[in-house]
Amino acid sequence: MALESPTIHKIKQDAIECPQPEFIGAVHHPWRYWEAAEEKASRRPLLCNLCLSEIPQGRIRFAPNTLAAIAPDGSRVCGVSQVLHEIRQDITRDLVPQRVPQMLGGSVLMPHGNYWKDNYFHFVSALLPNLMIALEMGLDRKVDKILLPWFSRVAMQDIYQLIGLPKDKEIAVLHEDGWVQADQITLVSHTGRDSFLPPWKLAQLRKLKSLALAEWKTVEAPADVLVVRRGYGRGFTNEQEIIALAESRGFTVVDLDGWSLVDQVRLFARARRVIASHGSALTNVIFCPEGAQVLEIFSPYYVYDYFVYWALGAGLTYSYCVGQGPVMSSLCDGSFNQQMDVKIADIETWMNQTAP
């Protein structure tokens, strides 16, 4: 008996341009984004298509930084991958567990994404837009259950209720190291990285912002926000000095650990200026008013371009500076989470340039 092949439909075809952020500081530090800038420029535009895939007898493997869709013949369905644009590719042996998958039965809908260790950024950038557009298309009414990855640091049920996930729809939870199979799996996914912000994703995130603000009756003044990062690495060794400067300029200082998504939306919806080190807190720049100013502070060992796409794509003004840290031999020694010292002069320069 021949195995049925997955079908992949391109729902939306979008492309974005490679952005050019402004550097604040005396010395430009080589980093991943700029090292790839020439390559990106040579193959503009950057594709970020939205796909709908149907996989009979499909399987899903959820491992760190991997959410793989597996066809009946054991190959990975790469047309729905975040980074791979081929339709099919043989799957590596270490990705498929040597155990029988959990049988879900029936038909299953899943928003496909790059989910990394309970990360708020991946929850907001990958899962929610894909799930929201699936609900908008009525796909939830065509399946028996919805399969969602587990994010323990996010109040998932409150958010799912906010975006209109039916209360009577059966939800199956996929935990890390999960390995499941269903009679048919329907995936909504997009090619390209989570940091890409095509028009359809921006529209869904703006809809999320409107839903979060809909019942908020309190009118608060615009705010300047400094986000401190405690307990997760990439904090400031001279944090107190930075806080003192920020408070002297009227900034509100926050640590967002433990905040609900709705509360974060409500804070950033009134933010005129935001300062934060690279991390999930900067996910919230997507909720800032158009024209807001963002300063991202990078560790010299962990410079990723995620939020430049988000800030510029949402109509914000984006700048960045690079902190200083001890010499490290490689990322494997944890250097990407090292504390860093930030030049106060760089922050002052940016504050003076962006003063309302």
Protein backbone atom coordinates (compact mmCIF):
# COMPACT_ATOMS: atom_id res chain seq x y z
CA MET A 1 0.00 0.00 0.00
CA ALA A 2 1.48 3.35 -1.06
CA LEU A 3 2.02 5.96 1.61
CA GLU A 4 0.18 9.24 1.15
CA SER A 5 2.44 12.24 0.67
CA PRO A 6 2.05 15.50 2.60
CA THR A 7 0.37 18.37 0.79
CA ILE A 8 1.71 21.88 1.22
CA HIS A 9 -0.30 24.96 0.29
CA LYS A 10 1.21 28.43 0.22
CA ILE A 11 -1.39 30.66 1.89
CA LYS A 12 0.49 33.95 1.73
CA GLN A 13 3.67 34.86 -0.10
CA ASP A 14 5.54 37.69 1.55
CA ALA A 15 9.00 39.15 1.48
CA ILE A 16 10.81 41.71 3.60
CA GLU A 17 13.89 43.84 3.12
CA CYS A 18 17.10 43.49 5.11
CA PRO A 19 17.03 46.42 7.59
CA GLN A 20 19.89 48.77 8.47
CA PRO A 21 19.92 49.78 12.16
CA GLU A 22 21.80 52.71 13.67
CA PHE A 23 24.90 52.00 15.75
CA ILE A 24 25.51 54.00 18.96
CA GLY A 25 29.09 54.06 20.24
CA ALA A 26 32.67 54.76 19.28
CA VAL A 27 33.67 51.34 17.95
CA HIS A 28 31.61 49.09 15.75
CA HIS A 29 31.78 45.48 16.86
CA PRO A 30 31.58 42.76 14.15
CA TRP A 31 28.52 40.64 14.72
CA ARG A 32 26.44 37.96 13.17
CA TYR A 33 23.94 40.30 11.55
CA TRP A 34 26.49 42.46 9.82
CA GLU A 35 28.69 39.53 8.85
CA ALA A 36 25.75 38.22 6.84
CA ALA A 37 24.58 41.62 5.58
CA GLU A 38 26.27 41.39 2.18
CA GLU A 39 24.93 37.89 1.61
CA LYS A 40 21.42 38.99 2.60
CA ALA A 41 21.61 42.04 0.38
CA SER A 42 22.63 39.89 -2.59
CA ARG A 43 19.54 37.71 -2.27
CA ARG A 44 16.89 40.21 -1.29
CA PRO A 45 14.04 39.97 -0.68
CA LEU A 46 13.98 37.63 2.33
CA LEU A 47 11.16 35.12 1.92
CA CYS A 48 8.76 34.41 4.76
CA ASN A 49 5.85 32.56 3.21
CA LEU A 50 2.92 31.26 5.22
CA CYS A 51 2.16 27.59 4.59
CA LEU A 52 -0.65 25.17 5.37
CA SER A 53 0.42 21.51 5.35
CA GLU A 54 -1.67 18.36 5.68
CA ILE A 55 0.21 15.20 6.65
CA PRO A 56 -1.69 11.88 6.71
CA GLN A 57 -0.38 9.64 9.52
CA GLY A 58 1.92 12.51 10.43
CA ARG A 59 4.22 12.64 13.42
CA ILE A 60 5.59 15.56 15.41
CA ARG A 61 8.90 15.64 17.25
CA PHE A 62 9.42 18.39 19.85
CA ALA A 63 13.01 18.73 21.04
CA PRO A 64 15.10 21.75 22.09
CA ASN A 65 15.03 24.30 19.24
CA THR A 66 13.35 21.72 17.00
CA LEU A 67 9.76 21.11 16.06
CA ALA A 68 9.92 18.65 13.20
CA ALA A 69 7.01 17.38 11.12
CA ILE A 70 7.62 13.79 10.00
CA ALA A 71 5.92 12.20 6.98
CA PRO A 72 4.81 8.53 6.99
CA ASP A 73 7.97 7.48 5.12
CA GLY A 74 10.18 8.91 7.89
CA SER A 75 11.29 12.03 6.01
CA ARG A 76 11.04 15.49 7.45
CA VAL A 77 8.52 17.81 5.82
CA CYS A 78 10.85 20.71 5.15
CA GLY A 79 8.43 22.94 3.31
CA VAL A 80 7.01 23.89 6.70
CA SER A 81 10.36 24.38 8.40
CA GLN A 82 11.47 27.70 9.83
CA VAL A 83 14.75 27.72 7.95
CA LEU A 84 14.76 24.99 5.31
CA HIS A 85 13.05 25.80 2.04
CA GLU A 86 13.28 22.40 0.33
CA ILE A 87 10.05 20.44 0.22
CA ARG A 88 11.55 17.25 1.63
CA GLN A 89 14.78 16.16 3.27
CA ASP A 90 15.80 12.88 4.85
CA ILE A 91 15.59 13.21 8.58
CA THR A 92 18.66 12.64 10.73
CA ARG A 93 18.53 9.54 12.91
CA ASP A 94 19.04 11.37 16.19
CA LEU A 95 15.86 13.42 15.65
CA VAL A 96 13.47 10.46 15.68
CA PRO A 97 13.30 8.71 19.08
CA GLN A 98 13.70 4.96 19.18
CA ARG A 99 10.28 4.57 20.79
CA VAL A 100 6.68 4.34 19.69
CA PRO A 101 5.06 7.79 19.37
CA GLN A 102 2.12 8.75 21.53
CA MET A 103 -1.01 8.09 19.44
CA LEU A 104 -3.42 11.02 19.49
CA GLY A 105 -5.90 9.63 16.98
CA GLY A 106 -8.19 11.68 14.77
CA SER A 107 -7.19 14.92 13.11
CA VAL A 108 -4.93 17.47 14.78
CA LEU A 109 -4.15 21.14 14.13
CA MET A 110 -0.80 22.54 15.23
CA PRO A 111 0.86 25.94 14.84
CA HIS A 112 4.41 25.06 13.77
CA GLY A 113 7.34 27.15 14.98
CA ASN A 114 10.83 27.35 16.37
CA TYR A 115 10.15 26.83 20.07
CA TRP A 116 13.19 27.21 22.27
CA LYS A 117 13.18 26.23 25.95
CA ASP A 118 10.04 27.92 27.17
CA ASN A 119 11.03 31.20 25.52
CA TYR A 120 8.56 34.12 25.57
CA PHE A 121 9.87 35.46 22.26
CA HIS A 122 9.17 32.23 20.40
CA PHE A 123 5.73 31.96 22.02
CA VAL A 124 4.76 35.43 20.78
CA SER A 125 6.63 35.42 17.46
CA ALA A 126 5.86 31.88 16.25
CA LEU A 127 3.03 30.16 18.10
CA LEU A 128 0.53 32.99 18.55
CA PRO A 129 0.52 34.47 15.00
CA ASN A 130 0.28 31.00 13.43
CA LEU A 131 -2.48 29.95 15.82
CA MET A 132 -4.40 33.20 15.37
CA ILE A 133 -4.38 32.94 11.60
CA ALA A 134 -5.48 29.29 11.87
CA LEU A 135 -8.46 30.39 13.98
CA GLU A 136 -9.18 33.19 11.51
CA MET A 137 -9.31 30.59 8.71
CA GLY A 138 -11.67 28.37 10.74
CA LEU A 139 -9.23 25.45 10.77
CA ASP A 140 -10.07 24.66 14.40
CA ARG A 141 -13.57 23.63 13.29
CA LYS A 142 -12.16 21.08 10.84
CA VAL A 143 -10.09 19.04 13.31
CA ASP A 144 -10.73 16.92 16.38
CA LYS A 145 -8.14 18.58 18.60
CA ILE A 146 -5.43 21.24 18.70
CA LEU A 147 -1.86 20.34 19.62
CA LEU A 148 0.10 23.07 21.43
CA PRO A 149 3.64 23.06 22.85
CA TRP A 150 3.98 23.70 26.57
CA PHE A 151 5.27 27.05 27.82
CA SER A 152 5.35 26.93 31.62
CA ARG A 153 6.44 30.57 32.01
CA VAL A 154 3.46 31.92 30.08
CA ALA A 155 -0.15 32.03 31.32
CA MET A 156 -1.26 30.10 28.27
CA GLN A 157 -4.94 29.56 29.06
CA ASP A 158 -5.58 33.28 29.61
CA ILE A 159 -3.94 34.11 26.28
CA TYR A 160 -5.75 31.38 24.36
CA GLN A 161 -9.05 32.67 25.74
CA LEU A 162 -8.04 36.21 24.73
CA ILE A 163 -7.47 35.24 21.08
CA GLY A 164 -10.72 33.27 20.85
CA LEU A 165 -9.62 29.64 21.11
CA PRO A 166 -12.89 27.71 21.59
CA LYS A 167 -13.34 26.57 25.18
CA ASP A 168 -14.90 23.30 24.07
CA LYS A 169 -12.07 22.34 21.71
CA GLU A 170 -9.88 19.52 22.99
CA ILE A 171 -6.32 20.69 23.58
CA ALA A 172 -3.41 18.24 23.55
CA VAL A 173 -0.20 19.52 25.13
CA LEU A 174 3.17 18.68 23.62
CA HIS A 175 5.97 18.74 26.17
CA GLU A 176 9.68 18.94 25.41
CA ASP A 177 10.99 15.61 24.14
CA GLY A 178 7.47 14.95 22.87
CA TRP A 179 6.86 12.43 20.08
CA VAL A 180 3.28 12.11 18.82
CA GLN A 181 1.31 10.77 15.85
CA ALA A 182 -2.20 11.44 14.54
CA ASP A 183 -4.37 10.18 11.69
CA GLN A 184 -3.84 13.55 10.05
CA ILE A 185 -1.84 16.57 11.15
CA THR A 186 -2.56 20.03 9.80
CA LEU A 187 0.28 22.50 10.31
CA VAL A 188 0.24 26.27 9.95
CA SER A 189 3.80 27.53 9.64
CA HIS A 190 6.03 30.04 7.94
CA THR A 191 9.39 29.82 6.29
CA GLY A 192 12.21 32.05 7.41
CA ARG A 193 13.21 32.95 10.95
CA ASP A 194 10.91 33.97 13.79
CA SER A 195 12.52 37.41 13.70
CA PHE A 196 11.12 38.10 10.22
CA LEU A 197 8.04 40.30 10.37
CA PRO A 198 5.98 39.94 7.16
CA PRO A 199 2.72 41.93 6.89
CA TRP A 200 0.47 39.02 7.86
CA LYS A 201 2.37 38.44 11.12
CA LEU A 202 2.44 42.15 11.97
CA ALA A 203 -1.33 42.27 11.43
CA GLN A 204 -1.92 39.35 13.84
CA LEU A 205 0.31 40.86 16.54
CA ARG A 206 -1.44 44.22 16.23
CA LYS A 207 -4.73 42.37 16.61
CA LEU A 208 -3.31 40.75 19.76
CA LYS A 209 -2.40 44.21 21.07
CA SER A 210 -5.94 45.47 20.44
CA LEU A 211 -7.44 42.48 22.25
CA ALA A 212 -5.14 43.01 25.25
CA LEU A 213 -6.06 46.70 25.46
CA ALA A 214 -9.79 46.29 24.77
CA GLU A 215 -10.89 46.15 28.42
CA TRP A 216 -8.18 48.40 29.81
CA LYS A 217 -10.06 51.43 31.14
CA THR A 218 -7.10 53.18 32.81
CA VAL A 219 -5.51 56.00 30.82
CA GLU A 220 -1.84 56.39 31.73
CA ALA A 221 0.78 58.87 30.56
CA PRO A 222 3.44 57.89 28.01
CA ALA A 223 6.43 56.16 29.61
CA ASP A 224 10.15 55.76 29.05
CA VAL A 225 11.16 52.23 30.06
CA LEU A 226 14.43 50.62 31.14
CA VAL A 227 14.20 46.84 31.33
CA VAL A 228 16.68 45.13 33.66
CA ARG A 229 17.42 41.46 33.19
CA ARG A 230 18.06 39.50 36.39
CA GLY A 231 18.61 35.79 36.65
CA TYR A 232 18.78 34.99 32.93
CA GLY A 233 22.19 36.34 31.91
CA ARG A 234 23.20 39.31 29.76
CA GLY A 235 22.61 41.72 32.61
CA PHE A 236 24.63 44.85 33.36
CA THR A 237 27.59 44.72 35.74
CA ASN A 238 27.10 48.48 36.25
CA GLU A 239 23.35 48.11 36.60
CA GLN A 240 22.99 50.52 39.53
CA GLU A 241 24.78 53.25 37.61
CA ILE A 242 22.52 52.70 34.61
CA ILE A 243 19.41 52.68 36.81
CA ALA A 244 20.47 55.93 38.49
CA LEU A 245 20.93 57.60 35.10
CA ALA A 246 17.61 56.28 33.79
CA GLU A 247 15.65 57.37 36.86
CA SER A 248 17.25 60.82 36.72
CA ARG A 249 15.84 61.11 33.18
CA GLY A 250 12.36 59.97 34.22
CA PHE A 251 12.55 56.35 33.07
CA THR A 252 10.46 53.62 34.66
CA VAL A 253 12.71 50.67 35.62
CA VAL A 254 11.14 47.20 35.35
CA ASP A 255 12.08 43.55 35.61
CA LEU A 256 9.45 41.71 33.56
CA ASP A 257 9.98 38.29 35.10
CA GLY A 258 6.56 37.01 36.19
CA TRP A 259 4.57 39.60 34.24
CA SER A 260 1.60 38.39 32.20
CA LEU A 261 1.56 39.00 28.47
CA VAL A 262 -1.38 41.38 28.85
CA ASP A 263 0.43 43.49 31.47
CA GLN A 264 3.50 43.66 29.23
CA VAL A 265 1.38 44.76 26.29
CA ARG A 266 -0.20 47.48 28.39
CA LEU A 267 3.17 48.84 29.52
CA PHE A 268 4.79 48.87 26.09
CA ALA A 269 1.67 50.25 24.40
CA ARG A 270 2.49 53.57 26.06
CA ALA A 271 6.29 53.41 25.82
CA ARG A 272 7.97 56.30 23.99
CA ARG A 273 11.51 55.06 24.60
CA VAL A 274 12.78 51.59 25.54
CA ILE A 275 16.23 50.49 26.70
CA ALA A 276 16.93 46.77 27.18
CA SER A 277 19.63 44.20 26.68
CA HIS A 278 19.06 41.54 24.05
CA GLY A 279 16.45 39.11 25.34
CA SER A 280 12.79 38.16 25.31
CA ALA A 281 11.67 41.43 26.89
CA LEU A 282 12.32 43.14 23.56
CA THR A 283 9.58 41.00 22.03
CA ASN A 284 7.29 43.67 23.41
CA VAL A 285 8.59 46.42 21.11
CA ILE A 286 6.01 45.14 18.66
CA PHE A 287 3.36 46.62 20.99
CA CYS A 288 4.97 50.09 21.18
CA PRO A 289 3.32 53.08 19.52
CA GLU A 290 4.57 53.84 16.03
CA GLY A 291 7.53 56.20 16.22
CA ALA A 292 8.78 54.95 19.60
CA GLN A 293 12.56 54.80 20.11
CA VAL A 294 14.38 51.54 20.98
CA LEU A 295 17.95 51.05 22.21
CA GLU A 296 19.07 47.42 22.29
CA ILE A 297 22.24 46.59 24.25
CA PHE A 298 24.17 43.54 23.12
CA SER A 299 26.68 41.34 24.83
CA PRO A 300 29.81 41.34 22.63
CA TYR A 301 29.44 37.57 22.38
CA TYR A 302 25.74 37.34 21.54
CA VAL A 303 24.62 39.77 18.87
CA TYR A 304 21.50 38.62 17.05
CA ASP A 305 19.35 40.63 14.67
CA TYR A 306 15.93 39.46 15.86
CA PHE A 307 14.54 42.73 17.17
CA VAL A 308 15.81 45.08 14.50
CA TYR A 309 13.29 43.43 12.16
CA TRP A 310 10.54 43.80 14.73
CA ALA A 311 11.28 47.40 15.64
CA LEU A 312 11.75 48.73 12.11
CA GLY A 313 8.93 46.59 10.74
CA ALA A 314 6.57 48.08 13.33
CA GLY A 315 7.55 51.64 12.45
CA LEU A 316 9.86 52.30 15.40
CA THR A 317 13.29 53.93 15.44
CA TYR A 318 15.91 51.34 16.37
CA SER A 319 19.48 51.81 17.61
CA TYR A 320 21.90 49.47 19.32
CA CYS A 321 25.15 49.52 21.25
CA VAL A 322 27.53 46.74 22.32
CA GLY A 323 28.66 46.20 25.90
CA GLN A 324 32.05 45.05 27.11
CA GLY A 325 32.95 41.76 28.75
CA PRO A 326 35.82 39.42 29.53
CA VAL A 327 37.53 37.58 26.70
CA MET A 328 35.84 34.21 26.15
CA SER A 329 37.08 31.30 24.09
CA SER A 330 33.74 30.28 22.53
CA LEU A 331 29.97 30.36 22.91
CA CYS A 332 30.20 26.87 24.40
CA ASP A 333 31.59 28.28 27.63
CA GLY A 334 28.43 30.27 28.25
CA SER A 335 29.71 33.57 26.93
CA PHE A 336 26.37 34.36 25.28
CA ASN A 337 24.90 34.81 28.77
CA GLN A 338 27.81 36.72 30.31
CA GLN A 339 27.16 39.89 32.27
CA MET A 340 28.47 43.00 30.55
CA ASP A 341 29.62 46.48 31.33
CA VAL A 342 27.86 49.21 29.33
CA LYS A 343 29.36 52.60 28.64
CA ILE A 344 27.22 55.22 30.34
CA ALA A 345 28.28 57.71 27.68
CA ASP A 346 26.65 55.56 24.97
CA ILE A 347 23.34 55.52 26.83
CA GLU A 348 23.52 59.25 27.54
CA THR A 349 24.20 59.94 23.87
CA TRP A 350 21.11 58.00 22.87
CA MET A 351 18.97 59.66 25.58
CA ASN A 352 20.02 63.11 24.39
CA GLN A 353 19.32 62.24 20.76
CA THR A 354 15.85 60.89 21.52
CA ALA A 355 14.67 63.25 24.25
CA PRO A 356 10.98 64.10 23.75
